[in-house]
Amino acid sequence: MRISVYDTYVQRPDGRRMHFDILVPSDTSDREAVLAYGRTYLAAKGLAPSDLKAEKCNYCHMESANPEVAQEIATTGFAIIEMENCN
């Protein structure tokens, strides 16, 4: 499965900057859908979904998904890779 990777940054209430990647099927071209996935992730972390702005979520590249990511995308429509300050 080919996926698109969106490099995403959000300012946390404690001042630290979160960095995570939103992974979606490569044929997903609706940027609002990608942002909605990011907001779902933020809400699950107990953060304000409105903190995710379009200018902080940018297409980065396309790659092949590993089996775990492909399964998560098949189940939920997206996957997240936590990079910095996500916990």
N, C-alpha and C. Protein backbone atom coordinates (compact mmCIF):
# COMPACT_ATOMS: atom_id res chain seq x y z
N MET A 1 0.85 -1.18 0.00
CA MET A 1 0.00 0.00 0.00
C MET A 1 0.89 1.24 0.00
N ARG A 2 0.59 2.17 -0.89
CA ARG A 2 1.30 3.45 -0.94
C ARG A 2 0.56 4.44 -0.04
N ILE A 3 1.32 5.21 0.72
CA ILE A 3 0.73 6.19 1.62
C ILE A 3 1.38 7.55 1.42
N SER A 4 0.61 8.58 1.73
CA SER A 4 1.13 9.95 1.77
C SER A 4 1.41 10.30 3.22
N VAL A 5 2.51 11.00 3.43
CA VAL A 5 2.93 11.40 4.77
C VAL A 5 2.80 12.92 4.89
N TYR A 6 2.08 13.35 5.92
CA TYR A 6 1.91 14.78 6.19
C TYR A 6 2.64 15.13 7.48
N ASP A 7 3.66 15.97 7.36
CA ASP A 7 4.47 16.42 8.47
C ASP A 7 3.67 17.48 9.23
N THR A 8 3.45 17.26 10.54
CA THR A 8 2.49 18.08 11.29
C THR A 8 3.10 18.57 12.60
N TYR A 9 2.82 19.84 12.91
CA TYR A 9 3.29 20.47 14.15
C TYR A 9 2.13 21.15 14.85
N VAL A 10 2.09 21.03 16.18
CA VAL A 10 1.05 21.69 16.97
C VAL A 10 1.70 22.22 18.25
N GLN A 11 1.37 23.45 18.61
CA GLN A 11 1.85 24.02 19.86
C GLN A 11 0.99 23.50 21.00
N ARG A 12 1.62 22.87 21.97
CA ARG A 12 0.92 22.32 23.13
C ARG A 12 0.64 23.43 24.15
N PRO A 13 -0.36 23.23 25.02
CA PRO A 13 -0.64 24.22 26.05
C PRO A 13 0.55 24.50 26.97
N ASP A 14 1.45 23.52 27.14
CA ASP A 14 2.62 23.72 28.01
C ASP A 14 3.78 24.41 27.28
N GLY A 15 3.55 24.83 26.04
CA GLY A 15 4.55 25.56 25.28
C GLY A 15 5.44 24.70 24.41
N ARG A 16 5.44 23.39 24.63
CA ARG A 16 6.25 22.51 23.78
C ARG A 16 5.57 22.31 22.43
N ARG A 17 6.37 22.04 21.43
CA ARG A 17 5.85 21.82 20.08
C ARG A 17 5.77 20.33 19.81
N MET A 18 4.55 19.86 19.52
CA MET A 18 4.35 18.47 19.11
C MET A 18 4.71 18.32 17.64
N HIS A 19 5.30 17.20 17.31
CA HIS A 19 5.60 16.88 15.92
C HIS A 19 5.15 15.45 15.68
N PHE A 20 4.27 15.26 14.72
CA PHE A 20 3.81 13.94 14.35
C PHE A 20 3.50 13.90 12.87
N ASP A 21 3.49 12.69 12.32
CA ASP A 21 3.15 12.50 10.92
C ASP A 21 1.77 11.88 10.82
N ILE A 22 0.96 12.40 9.91
CA ILE A 22 -0.34 11.82 9.60
C ILE A 22 -0.15 11.01 8.31
N LEU A 23 -0.49 9.73 8.36
CA LEU A 23 -0.34 8.83 7.22
C LEU A 23 -1.71 8.49 6.67
N VAL A 24 -1.88 8.66 5.37
CA VAL A 24 -3.16 8.38 4.72
C VAL A 24 -2.90 7.65 3.41
N PRO A 25 -3.92 6.97 2.86
CA PRO A 25 -3.73 6.33 1.55
C PRO A 25 -3.28 7.36 0.52
N SER A 26 -2.44 6.96 -0.40
CA SER A 26 -1.88 7.89 -1.38
C SER A 26 -2.94 8.53 -2.27
N ASP A 27 -4.11 7.92 -2.38
CA ASP A 27 -5.16 8.51 -3.21
C ASP A 27 -6.03 9.50 -2.44
N THR A 28 -5.70 9.78 -1.19
CA THR A 28 -6.44 10.78 -0.41
C THR A 28 -5.91 12.15 -0.80
N SER A 29 -6.76 12.93 -1.45
CA SER A 29 -6.32 14.26 -1.90
C SER A 29 -7.05 15.38 -1.16
N ASP A 30 -8.00 15.04 -0.32
CA ASP A 30 -8.77 16.03 0.42
C ASP A 30 -7.99 16.47 1.66
N ARG A 31 -7.41 17.65 1.61
CA ARG A 31 -6.61 18.17 2.72
C ARG A 31 -7.44 18.30 3.99
N GLU A 32 -8.70 18.66 3.87
CA GLU A 32 -9.56 18.77 5.05
C GLU A 32 -9.73 17.42 5.74
N ALA A 33 -9.76 16.34 4.97
CA ALA A 33 -9.85 15.00 5.56
C ALA A 33 -8.58 14.70 6.36
N VAL A 34 -7.44 15.08 5.82
CA VAL A 34 -6.17 14.86 6.53
C VAL A 34 -6.16 15.66 7.83
N LEU A 35 -6.60 16.91 7.77
CA LEU A 35 -6.67 17.74 8.98
C LEU A 35 -7.65 17.14 9.99
N ALA A 36 -8.76 16.61 9.52
CA ALA A 36 -9.74 15.98 10.42
C ALA A 36 -9.12 14.78 11.13
N TYR A 37 -8.30 14.00 10.43
CA TYR A 37 -7.61 12.88 11.08
C TYR A 37 -6.67 13.39 12.17
N GLY A 38 -5.95 14.45 11.87
CA GLY A 38 -5.06 15.04 12.87
C GLY A 38 -5.82 15.55 14.07
N ARG A 39 -6.98 16.14 13.84
CA ARG A 39 -7.80 16.64 14.95
C ARG A 39 -8.36 15.49 15.79
N THR A 40 -8.69 14.39 15.14
CA THR A 40 -9.14 13.20 15.87
C THR A 40 -8.03 12.70 16.79
N TYR A 41 -6.82 12.68 16.27
CA TYR A 41 -5.67 12.26 17.07
C TYR A 41 -5.47 13.20 18.27
N LEU A 42 -5.52 14.50 18.03
CA LEU A 42 -5.34 15.46 19.12
C LEU A 42 -6.41 15.30 20.19
N ALA A 43 -7.65 15.13 19.77
CA ALA A 43 -8.73 14.94 20.74
C ALA A 43 -8.49 13.70 21.58
N ALA A 44 -8.00 12.63 20.97
CA ALA A 44 -7.72 11.40 21.71
C ALA A 44 -6.59 11.61 22.72
N LYS A 45 -5.71 12.58 22.47
CA LYS A 45 -4.62 12.91 23.38
C LYS A 45 -5.05 13.91 24.45
N GLY A 46 -6.32 14.36 24.38
CA GLY A 46 -6.82 15.33 25.35
C GLY A 46 -6.44 16.76 25.04
N LEU A 47 -6.08 17.02 23.79
CA LEU A 47 -5.71 18.37 23.37
C LEU A 47 -6.80 18.96 22.49
N ALA A 48 -6.83 20.26 22.41
CA ALA A 48 -7.85 20.95 21.61
C ALA A 48 -7.64 20.68 20.13
N PRO A 49 -8.61 20.04 19.47
CA PRO A 49 -8.46 19.77 18.04
C PRO A 49 -8.27 21.04 17.21
N SER A 50 -8.79 22.15 17.71
CA SER A 50 -8.69 23.41 16.95
C SER A 50 -7.25 23.92 16.88
N ASP A 51 -6.34 23.32 17.67
CA ASP A 51 -4.94 23.74 17.63
C ASP A 51 -4.24 23.35 16.34
N LEU A 52 -4.83 22.43 15.57
CA LEU A 52 -4.22 22.00 14.31
C LEU A 52 -4.68 22.93 13.19
N LYS A 53 -3.73 23.65 12.63
CA LYS A 53 -4.00 24.61 11.55
C LYS A 53 -3.41 24.07 10.25
N ALA A 54 -4.03 24.42 9.15
CA ALA A 54 -3.60 23.93 7.84
C ALA A 54 -2.15 24.27 7.54
N GLU A 55 -1.69 25.42 7.98
CA GLU A 55 -0.32 25.83 7.66
C GLU A 55 0.73 25.02 8.43
N LYS A 56 0.31 24.24 9.40
CA LYS A 56 1.23 23.43 10.20
C LYS A 56 1.15 21.95 9.84
N CYS A 57 0.46 21.63 8.75
CA CYS A 57 0.30 20.26 8.30
C CYS A 57 0.58 20.23 6.80
N ASN A 58 1.75 19.75 6.43
CA ASN A 58 2.18 19.82 5.03
C ASN A 58 2.53 18.45 4.47
N TYR A 59 2.13 18.25 3.23
CA TYR A 59 2.52 17.03 2.53
C TYR A 59 4.04 16.96 2.52
N CYS A 60 4.57 15.79 2.86
CA CYS A 60 6.02 15.61 2.92
C CYS A 60 6.50 14.69 1.80
N HIS A 61 5.97 13.46 1.75
CA HIS A 61 6.41 12.51 0.75
C HIS A 61 5.45 11.32 0.70
N MET A 62 5.72 10.42 -0.25
CA MET A 62 4.95 9.20 -0.39
C MET A 62 5.89 8.02 -0.15
N GLU A 63 5.37 6.96 0.46
CA GLU A 63 6.19 5.77 0.71
C GLU A 63 5.29 4.55 0.77
N SER A 64 5.91 3.38 0.90
CA SER A 64 5.17 2.14 1.08
C SER A 64 4.92 1.93 2.57
N ALA A 65 3.70 1.53 2.90
CA ALA A 65 3.34 1.31 4.31
C ALA A 65 3.81 -0.05 4.77
N ASN A 66 4.28 -0.11 6.02
CA ASN A 66 4.59 -1.42 6.60
C ASN A 66 3.26 -2.09 6.96
N PRO A 67 3.24 -3.37 7.25
CA PRO A 67 1.98 -4.08 7.51
C PRO A 67 1.15 -3.50 8.66
N GLU A 68 1.80 -3.04 9.73
CA GLU A 68 1.07 -2.49 10.87
C GLU A 68 0.36 -1.18 10.49
N VAL A 69 1.06 -0.33 9.77
CA VAL A 69 0.45 0.94 9.32
C VAL A 69 -0.68 0.66 8.34
N ALA A 70 -0.46 -0.26 7.41
CA ALA A 70 -1.51 -0.60 6.44
C ALA A 70 -2.76 -1.10 7.14
N GLN A 71 -2.60 -1.91 8.19
CA GLN A 71 -3.74 -2.42 8.94
C GLN A 71 -4.47 -1.30 9.67
N GLU A 72 -3.72 -0.40 10.28
CA GLU A 72 -4.35 0.72 10.99
C GLU A 72 -5.12 1.61 10.03
N ILE A 73 -4.55 1.88 8.87
CA ILE A 73 -5.23 2.69 7.87
C ILE A 73 -6.48 1.98 7.37
N ALA A 74 -6.41 0.66 7.18
CA ALA A 74 -7.58 -0.10 6.74
C ALA A 74 -8.69 -0.03 7.77
N THR A 75 -8.32 0.04 9.05
CA THR A 75 -9.31 0.06 10.13
C THR A 75 -9.87 1.45 10.38
N THR A 76 -9.00 2.48 10.44
CA THR A 76 -9.43 3.81 10.86
C THR A 76 -9.38 4.86 9.76
N GLY A 77 -8.71 4.55 8.65
CA GLY A 77 -8.58 5.52 7.57
C GLY A 77 -7.29 6.30 7.60
N PHE A 78 -6.57 6.23 8.73
CA PHE A 78 -5.32 6.96 8.86
C PHE A 78 -4.45 6.30 9.93
N ALA A 79 -3.20 6.74 10.01
CA ALA A 79 -2.30 6.31 11.08
C ALA A 79 -1.46 7.52 11.47
N ILE A 80 -0.93 7.48 12.68
CA ILE A 80 -0.10 8.55 13.21
C ILE A 80 1.25 7.97 13.61
N ILE A 81 2.31 8.67 13.27
CA ILE A 81 3.63 8.36 13.81
C ILE A 81 4.01 9.53 14.70
N GLU A 82 4.19 9.27 15.97
CA GLU A 82 4.57 10.30 16.93
C GLU A 82 6.07 10.53 16.82
N MET A 83 6.47 11.79 16.68
CA MET A 83 7.87 12.14 16.50
C MET A 83 8.45 12.83 17.74
N GLU A 84 7.85 13.93 18.18
CA GLU A 84 8.39 14.71 19.30
C GLU A 84 7.27 15.25 20.18
N ASN A 85 7.46 15.16 21.49
CA ASN A 85 6.58 15.77 22.48
C ASN A 85 5.11 15.40 22.33
N CYS A 86 4.86 14.14 22.02
CA CYS A 86 3.48 13.67 21.84
C CYS A 86 2.90 13.04 23.10
N ASN A 87 3.71 12.82 24.10
CA ASN A 87 3.22 12.23 25.36
C ASN A 87 3.36 13.20 26.50
